[in-house]
Amino acid sequence: MSEPSIFTRIMNGEIPADKVYEDDDCICIKDIAPKAPVHLLLIPRKPIPRLVDATAEDQALLGKLMVKAGEIAREHNVGDAFRLVINNGEEVGQTVFHLHLHILGGKLFTEAELGL
């Protein structure tokens, strides 16, 4: 069995984090190395390593994360313009293998700079 991810450890209270939202299905924390004035991480409590590892049984959870991302963006005054990023795999920058959504806002992004 692999070690719990840093996100699992945060959810278990082992590591402190600046939480902005939590419920039975997910938490949202401020990124410790923000790439925009608003950079939040929305994390499901279920430890899905990568998006490609999600199954049909995760469909409702994934849908909830999308809706919750919009709600959280509005609460942080970036609801009219934010970027939602999911990295899937080390080759594209995923460093924590526990699915998470980056909510980025408060900065002008261009189509040419799709990465973080």
N, C-alpha and C. Protein backbone atom coordinates (compact mmCIF):
# COMPACT_ATOMS: atom_id res chain seq x y z
N MET A 1 0.84 -1.19 0.00
CA MET A 1 0.00 0.00 0.00
C MET A 1 0.88 1.24 0.00
N SER A 2 0.54 2.22 -0.80
CA SER A 2 1.36 3.42 -0.90
C SER A 2 1.09 4.36 0.27
N GLU A 3 2.01 5.28 0.44
CA GLU A 3 1.88 6.28 1.49
C GLU A 3 0.70 7.20 1.19
N PRO A 4 0.04 7.72 2.22
CA PRO A 4 -1.03 8.68 1.96
C PRO A 4 -0.45 9.95 1.33
N SER A 5 -1.21 10.54 0.41
CA SER A 5 -0.75 11.78 -0.23
C SER A 5 -0.76 12.92 0.77
N ILE A 6 -0.07 13.99 0.41
CA ILE A 6 -0.08 15.18 1.27
C ILE A 6 -1.51 15.69 1.46
N PHE A 7 -2.35 15.54 0.44
CA PHE A 7 -3.74 15.99 0.57
C PHE A 7 -4.50 15.12 1.56
N THR A 8 -4.27 13.81 1.53
CA THR A 8 -4.90 12.93 2.52
C THR A 8 -4.43 13.30 3.91
N ARG A 9 -3.17 13.60 4.04
CA ARG A 9 -2.63 13.98 5.35
C ARG A 9 -3.21 15.31 5.82
N ILE A 10 -3.45 16.24 4.90
CA ILE A 10 -4.12 17.50 5.26
C ILE A 10 -5.53 17.21 5.74
N MET A 11 -6.26 16.38 4.99
CA MET A 11 -7.64 16.06 5.37
C MET A 11 -7.72 15.33 6.70
N ASN A 12 -6.67 14.57 7.02
CA ASN A 12 -6.62 13.86 8.30
C ASN A 12 -6.14 14.73 9.45
N GLY A 13 -5.81 15.99 9.16
CA GLY A 13 -5.36 16.91 10.20
C GLY A 13 -3.90 16.76 10.59
N GLU A 14 -3.14 16.00 9.82
CA GLU A 14 -1.72 15.78 10.13
C GLU A 14 -0.84 16.94 9.68
N ILE A 15 -1.28 17.66 8.66
CA ILE A 15 -0.54 18.78 8.09
C ILE A 15 -1.49 19.97 8.02
N PRO A 16 -1.06 21.13 8.49
CA PRO A 16 -1.96 22.29 8.42
C PRO A 16 -2.09 22.82 6.99
N ALA A 17 -3.22 23.42 6.73
CA ALA A 17 -3.47 24.04 5.42
C ALA A 17 -4.49 25.16 5.63
N ASP A 18 -4.47 26.12 4.74
CA ASP A 18 -5.42 27.22 4.79
C ASP A 18 -6.67 26.80 4.02
N LYS A 19 -7.63 26.21 4.72
CA LYS A 19 -8.85 25.70 4.11
C LYS A 19 -9.82 26.85 3.88
N VAL A 20 -10.43 26.84 2.70
CA VAL A 20 -11.46 27.83 2.39
C VAL A 20 -12.83 27.18 2.26
N TYR A 21 -12.88 25.85 2.17
CA TYR A 21 -14.15 25.13 2.06
C TYR A 21 -13.90 23.67 2.41
N GLU A 22 -14.91 23.04 3.01
CA GLU A 22 -14.87 21.59 3.15
C GLU A 22 -16.27 21.06 3.40
N ASP A 23 -16.49 19.85 2.90
CA ASP A 23 -17.73 19.13 3.16
C ASP A 23 -17.38 17.64 3.19
N ASP A 24 -18.39 16.79 3.14
CA ASP A 24 -18.15 15.35 3.23
C ASP A 24 -17.43 14.78 2.03
N ASP A 25 -17.47 15.49 0.88
CA ASP A 25 -16.89 14.97 -0.36
C ASP A 25 -15.57 15.59 -0.77
N CYS A 26 -15.30 16.82 -0.32
CA CYS A 26 -14.11 17.51 -0.80
C CYS A 26 -13.67 18.62 0.15
N ILE A 27 -12.46 19.09 -0.08
CA ILE A 27 -11.95 20.27 0.61
C ILE A 27 -11.37 21.20 -0.44
N CYS A 28 -11.23 22.46 -0.07
CA CYS A 28 -10.57 23.43 -0.93
C CYS A 28 -9.59 24.19 -0.06
N ILE A 29 -8.34 24.27 -0.52
CA ILE A 29 -7.29 24.94 0.23
C ILE A 29 -6.58 25.95 -0.67
N LYS A 30 -5.90 26.90 -0.04
CA LYS A 30 -5.07 27.83 -0.79
C LYS A 30 -3.78 27.12 -1.18
N ASP A 31 -3.34 27.31 -2.42
CA ASP A 31 -2.09 26.72 -2.88
C ASP A 31 -0.92 27.40 -2.17
N ILE A 32 0.06 26.63 -1.75
CA ILE A 32 1.20 27.21 -1.02
C ILE A 32 2.21 27.87 -1.95
N ALA A 33 2.09 27.65 -3.26
CA ALA A 33 2.96 28.28 -4.25
C ALA A 33 2.08 28.85 -5.36
N PRO A 34 1.30 29.89 -5.04
CA PRO A 34 0.30 30.38 -6.00
C PRO A 34 0.90 30.91 -7.30
N LYS A 35 0.18 30.62 -8.39
CA LYS A 35 0.55 31.09 -9.73
C LYS A 35 -0.36 32.22 -10.19
N ALA A 36 -1.26 32.65 -9.31
CA ALA A 36 -2.19 33.75 -9.59
C ALA A 36 -2.64 34.30 -8.23
N PRO A 37 -3.19 35.53 -8.22
CA PRO A 37 -3.67 36.08 -6.95
C PRO A 37 -4.67 35.17 -6.23
N VAL A 38 -5.53 34.49 -6.98
CA VAL A 38 -6.39 33.45 -6.42
C VAL A 38 -5.91 32.13 -7.01
N HIS A 39 -5.40 31.27 -6.15
CA HIS A 39 -4.96 29.93 -6.59
C HIS A 39 -5.37 28.96 -5.50
N LEU A 40 -6.45 28.26 -5.77
CA LEU A 40 -7.03 27.33 -4.81
C LEU A 40 -6.97 25.92 -5.38
N LEU A 41 -6.93 24.95 -4.50
CA LEU A 41 -6.92 23.54 -4.89
C LEU A 41 -8.18 22.89 -4.35
N LEU A 42 -9.00 22.37 -5.23
CA LEU A 42 -10.22 21.66 -4.85
C LEU A 42 -9.93 20.17 -4.94
N ILE A 43 -10.07 19.48 -3.82
CA ILE A 43 -9.57 18.11 -3.69
C ILE A 43 -10.70 17.19 -3.20
N PRO A 44 -10.98 16.12 -3.94
CA PRO A 44 -11.97 15.17 -3.43
C PRO A 44 -11.39 14.38 -2.26
N ARG A 45 -12.22 14.04 -1.33
CA ARG A 45 -11.74 13.22 -0.21
C ARG A 45 -11.37 11.81 -0.69
N LYS A 46 -12.06 11.33 -1.71
CA LYS A 46 -11.72 10.02 -2.28
C LYS A 46 -10.38 10.16 -2.99
N PRO A 47 -9.41 9.32 -2.65
CA PRO A 47 -8.07 9.44 -3.24
C PRO A 47 -7.95 8.82 -4.64
N ILE A 48 -8.43 9.55 -5.63
CA ILE A 48 -8.29 9.14 -7.03
C ILE A 48 -6.93 9.67 -7.49
N PRO A 49 -5.99 8.82 -7.89
CA PRO A 49 -4.64 9.30 -8.22
C PRO A 49 -4.60 10.33 -9.36
N ARG A 50 -5.26 10.01 -10.48
CA ARG A 50 -5.27 10.89 -11.65
C ARG A 50 -6.68 10.87 -12.23
N LEU A 51 -7.01 11.86 -13.03
CA LEU A 51 -8.33 11.89 -13.64
C LEU A 51 -8.59 10.63 -14.45
N VAL A 52 -7.58 10.15 -15.15
CA VAL A 52 -7.73 8.95 -15.98
C VAL A 52 -8.05 7.71 -15.13
N ASP A 53 -7.79 7.77 -13.83
CA ASP A 53 -8.08 6.65 -12.94
C ASP A 53 -9.51 6.67 -12.41
N ALA A 54 -10.25 7.74 -12.68
CA ALA A 54 -11.65 7.81 -12.25
C ALA A 54 -12.48 6.79 -13.03
N THR A 55 -13.52 6.32 -12.39
CA THR A 55 -14.40 5.34 -13.02
C THR A 55 -15.82 5.90 -13.09
N ALA A 56 -16.70 5.12 -13.69
CA ALA A 56 -18.10 5.54 -13.80
C ALA A 56 -18.70 5.82 -12.44
N GLU A 57 -18.26 5.11 -11.41
CA GLU A 57 -18.81 5.35 -10.07
C GLU A 57 -18.38 6.72 -9.51
N ASP A 58 -17.39 7.35 -10.10
CA ASP A 58 -16.93 8.66 -9.67
C ASP A 58 -17.63 9.82 -10.38
N GLN A 59 -18.53 9.50 -11.29
CA GLN A 59 -19.15 10.53 -12.12
C GLN A 59 -19.85 11.61 -11.29
N ALA A 60 -20.63 11.24 -10.30
CA ALA A 60 -21.33 12.24 -9.49
C ALA A 60 -20.34 13.11 -8.73
N LEU A 61 -19.29 12.51 -8.19
CA LEU A 61 -18.27 13.27 -7.47
C LEU A 61 -17.58 14.26 -8.40
N LEU A 62 -17.21 13.82 -9.59
CA LEU A 62 -16.54 14.71 -10.54
C LEU A 62 -17.46 15.86 -10.95
N GLY A 63 -18.73 15.57 -11.15
CA GLY A 63 -19.68 16.62 -11.46
C GLY A 63 -19.81 17.61 -10.32
N LYS A 64 -19.86 17.11 -9.11
CA LYS A 64 -19.94 18.00 -7.94
C LYS A 64 -18.72 18.91 -7.88
N LEU A 65 -17.53 18.37 -8.15
CA LEU A 65 -16.31 19.18 -8.12
C LEU A 65 -16.39 20.33 -9.12
N MET A 66 -16.92 20.06 -10.30
CA MET A 66 -17.04 21.11 -11.32
C MET A 66 -17.98 22.22 -10.85
N VAL A 67 -19.13 21.84 -10.31
CA VAL A 67 -20.09 22.84 -9.82
C VAL A 67 -19.50 23.59 -8.63
N LYS A 68 -18.87 22.87 -7.72
CA LYS A 68 -18.29 23.50 -6.53
C LYS A 68 -17.16 24.45 -6.93
N ALA A 69 -16.39 24.13 -7.96
CA ALA A 69 -15.33 25.03 -8.42
C ALA A 69 -15.91 26.38 -8.82
N GLY A 70 -17.03 26.38 -9.52
CA GLY A 70 -17.68 27.63 -9.91
C GLY A 70 -18.17 28.41 -8.70
N GLU A 71 -18.77 27.70 -7.74
CA GLU A 71 -19.25 28.37 -6.53
C GLU A 71 -18.10 29.01 -5.76
N ILE A 72 -17.01 28.27 -5.61
CA ILE A 72 -15.86 28.78 -4.87
C ILE A 72 -15.23 29.96 -5.61
N ALA A 73 -15.15 29.88 -6.93
CA ALA A 73 -14.62 31.00 -7.72
C ALA A 73 -15.45 32.26 -7.48
N ARG A 74 -16.78 32.11 -7.50
CA ARG A 74 -17.64 33.28 -7.23
C ARG A 74 -17.40 33.83 -5.83
N GLU A 75 -17.27 32.95 -4.86
CA GLU A 75 -17.04 33.39 -3.47
C GLU A 75 -15.71 34.14 -3.33
N HIS A 76 -14.77 33.88 -4.22
CA HIS A 76 -13.46 34.53 -4.18
C HIS A 76 -13.34 35.63 -5.23
N ASN A 77 -14.50 36.09 -5.72
CA ASN A 77 -14.60 37.23 -6.63
C ASN A 77 -13.88 37.05 -7.97
N VAL A 78 -13.77 35.81 -8.42
CA VAL A 78 -13.20 35.55 -9.75
C VAL A 78 -14.16 34.72 -10.59
N GLY A 79 -15.43 34.70 -10.22
CA GLY A 79 -16.41 33.87 -10.90
C GLY A 79 -16.63 34.22 -12.36
N ASP A 80 -16.34 35.47 -12.75
CA ASP A 80 -16.52 35.85 -14.15
C ASP A 80 -15.33 35.48 -15.03
N ALA A 81 -14.19 35.20 -14.42
CA ALA A 81 -13.00 34.87 -15.21
C ALA A 81 -12.01 34.09 -14.34
N PHE A 82 -11.99 32.79 -14.54
CA PHE A 82 -11.02 31.96 -13.83
C PHE A 82 -10.62 30.80 -14.72
N ARG A 83 -9.50 30.22 -14.40
CA ARG A 83 -9.01 29.05 -15.14
C ARG A 83 -9.12 27.85 -14.21
N LEU A 84 -9.56 26.74 -14.76
CA LEU A 84 -9.66 25.49 -14.02
C LEU A 84 -8.71 24.50 -14.67
N VAL A 85 -7.75 24.00 -13.91
CA VAL A 85 -6.71 23.12 -14.47
C VAL A 85 -6.69 21.81 -13.69
N ILE A 86 -6.63 20.71 -14.44
CA ILE A 86 -6.41 19.39 -13.87
C ILE A 86 -5.20 18.80 -14.59
N ASN A 87 -4.14 18.56 -13.86
CA ASN A 87 -2.97 17.90 -14.44
C ASN A 87 -3.16 16.39 -14.30
N ASN A 88 -2.86 15.65 -15.36
CA ASN A 88 -3.01 14.21 -15.35
C ASN A 88 -1.69 13.58 -15.77
N GLY A 89 -0.83 13.32 -14.81
CA GLY A 89 0.44 12.67 -15.08
C GLY A 89 1.63 13.57 -14.84
N GLU A 90 2.72 12.94 -14.48
CA GLU A 90 3.96 13.65 -14.16
C GLU A 90 4.47 14.47 -15.34
N GLU A 91 4.31 13.96 -16.56
CA GLU A 91 4.83 14.64 -17.74
C GLU A 91 4.20 16.00 -17.99
N VAL A 92 3.02 16.24 -17.41
CA VAL A 92 2.35 17.53 -17.58
C VAL A 92 2.32 18.34 -16.28
N GLY A 93 3.11 17.92 -15.30
CA GLY A 93 3.26 18.73 -14.10
C GLY A 93 2.55 18.24 -12.86
N GLN A 94 1.88 17.10 -12.92
CA GLN A 94 1.23 16.61 -11.70
C GLN A 94 2.31 16.16 -10.73
N THR A 95 2.29 16.72 -9.53
CA THR A 95 3.29 16.37 -8.52
C THR A 95 2.68 15.62 -7.34
N VAL A 96 1.39 15.79 -7.12
CA VAL A 96 0.70 15.05 -6.06
C VAL A 96 -0.32 14.15 -6.76
N PHE A 97 -0.18 12.85 -6.56
CA PHE A 97 -1.04 11.90 -7.26
C PHE A 97 -2.28 11.59 -6.42
N HIS A 98 -3.05 12.64 -6.26
CA HIS A 98 -4.38 12.64 -5.65
C HIS A 98 -5.11 13.72 -6.43
N LEU A 99 -6.08 13.32 -7.25
CA LEU A 99 -6.77 14.24 -8.13
C LEU A 99 -7.08 15.56 -7.43
N HIS A 100 -6.81 16.66 -8.11
CA HIS A 100 -7.16 17.98 -7.57
C HIS A 100 -7.33 18.96 -8.71
N LEU A 101 -8.19 19.94 -8.49
CA LEU A 101 -8.49 20.96 -9.49
C LEU A 101 -7.87 22.26 -9.03
N HIS A 102 -7.09 22.89 -9.89
CA HIS A 102 -6.54 24.21 -9.62
C HIS A 102 -7.57 25.25 -10.08
N ILE A 103 -7.96 26.13 -9.18
CA ILE A 103 -8.83 27.26 -9.51
C ILE A 103 -7.93 28.49 -9.50
N LEU A 104 -7.74 29.11 -10.66
CA LEU A 104 -6.83 30.26 -10.79
C LEU A 104 -7.59 31.47 -11.29
N GLY A 105 -7.38 32.61 -10.63
CA GLY A 105 -8.05 33.82 -11.07
C GLY A 105 -7.35 35.06 -10.56
N GLY A 106 -7.86 36.21 -11.00
CA GLY A 106 -7.28 37.48 -10.58
C GLY A 106 -6.04 37.86 -11.37
N LYS A 107 -5.86 37.20 -12.52
CA LYS A 107 -4.70 37.43 -13.37
C LYS A 107 -5.14 37.25 -14.82
N LEU A 108 -4.59 38.04 -15.69
CA LEU A 108 -4.89 37.89 -17.11
C LEU A 108 -4.10 36.70 -17.66
N PHE A 109 -4.82 35.73 -18.20
CA PHE A 109 -4.21 34.59 -18.84
C PHE A 109 -4.53 34.70 -20.33
N THR A 110 -3.61 34.27 -21.16
CA THR A 110 -3.89 34.20 -22.59
C THR A 110 -4.02 32.75 -23.00
N GLU A 111 -4.64 32.53 -24.14
CA GLU A 111 -4.81 31.18 -24.66
C GLU A 111 -3.45 30.52 -24.91
N ALA A 112 -2.44 31.33 -25.22
CA ALA A 112 -1.11 30.80 -25.52
C ALA A 112 -0.43 30.21 -24.30
N GLU A 113 -0.84 30.62 -23.11
CA GLU A 113 -0.19 30.13 -21.89
C GLU A 113 -1.16 29.24 -21.12
N LEU A 114 -1.49 28.09 -21.67
CA LEU A 114 -2.45 27.21 -21.05
C LEU A 114 -1.91 26.53 -19.81
N GLY A 115 -0.63 26.41 -19.67
CA GLY A 115 -0.07 25.77 -18.48
C GLY A 115 -0.04 26.71 -17.31
N LEU A 116 0.32 26.16 -16.18
CA LEU A 116 0.46 26.96 -14.96
C LEU A 116 1.79 27.66 -15.01
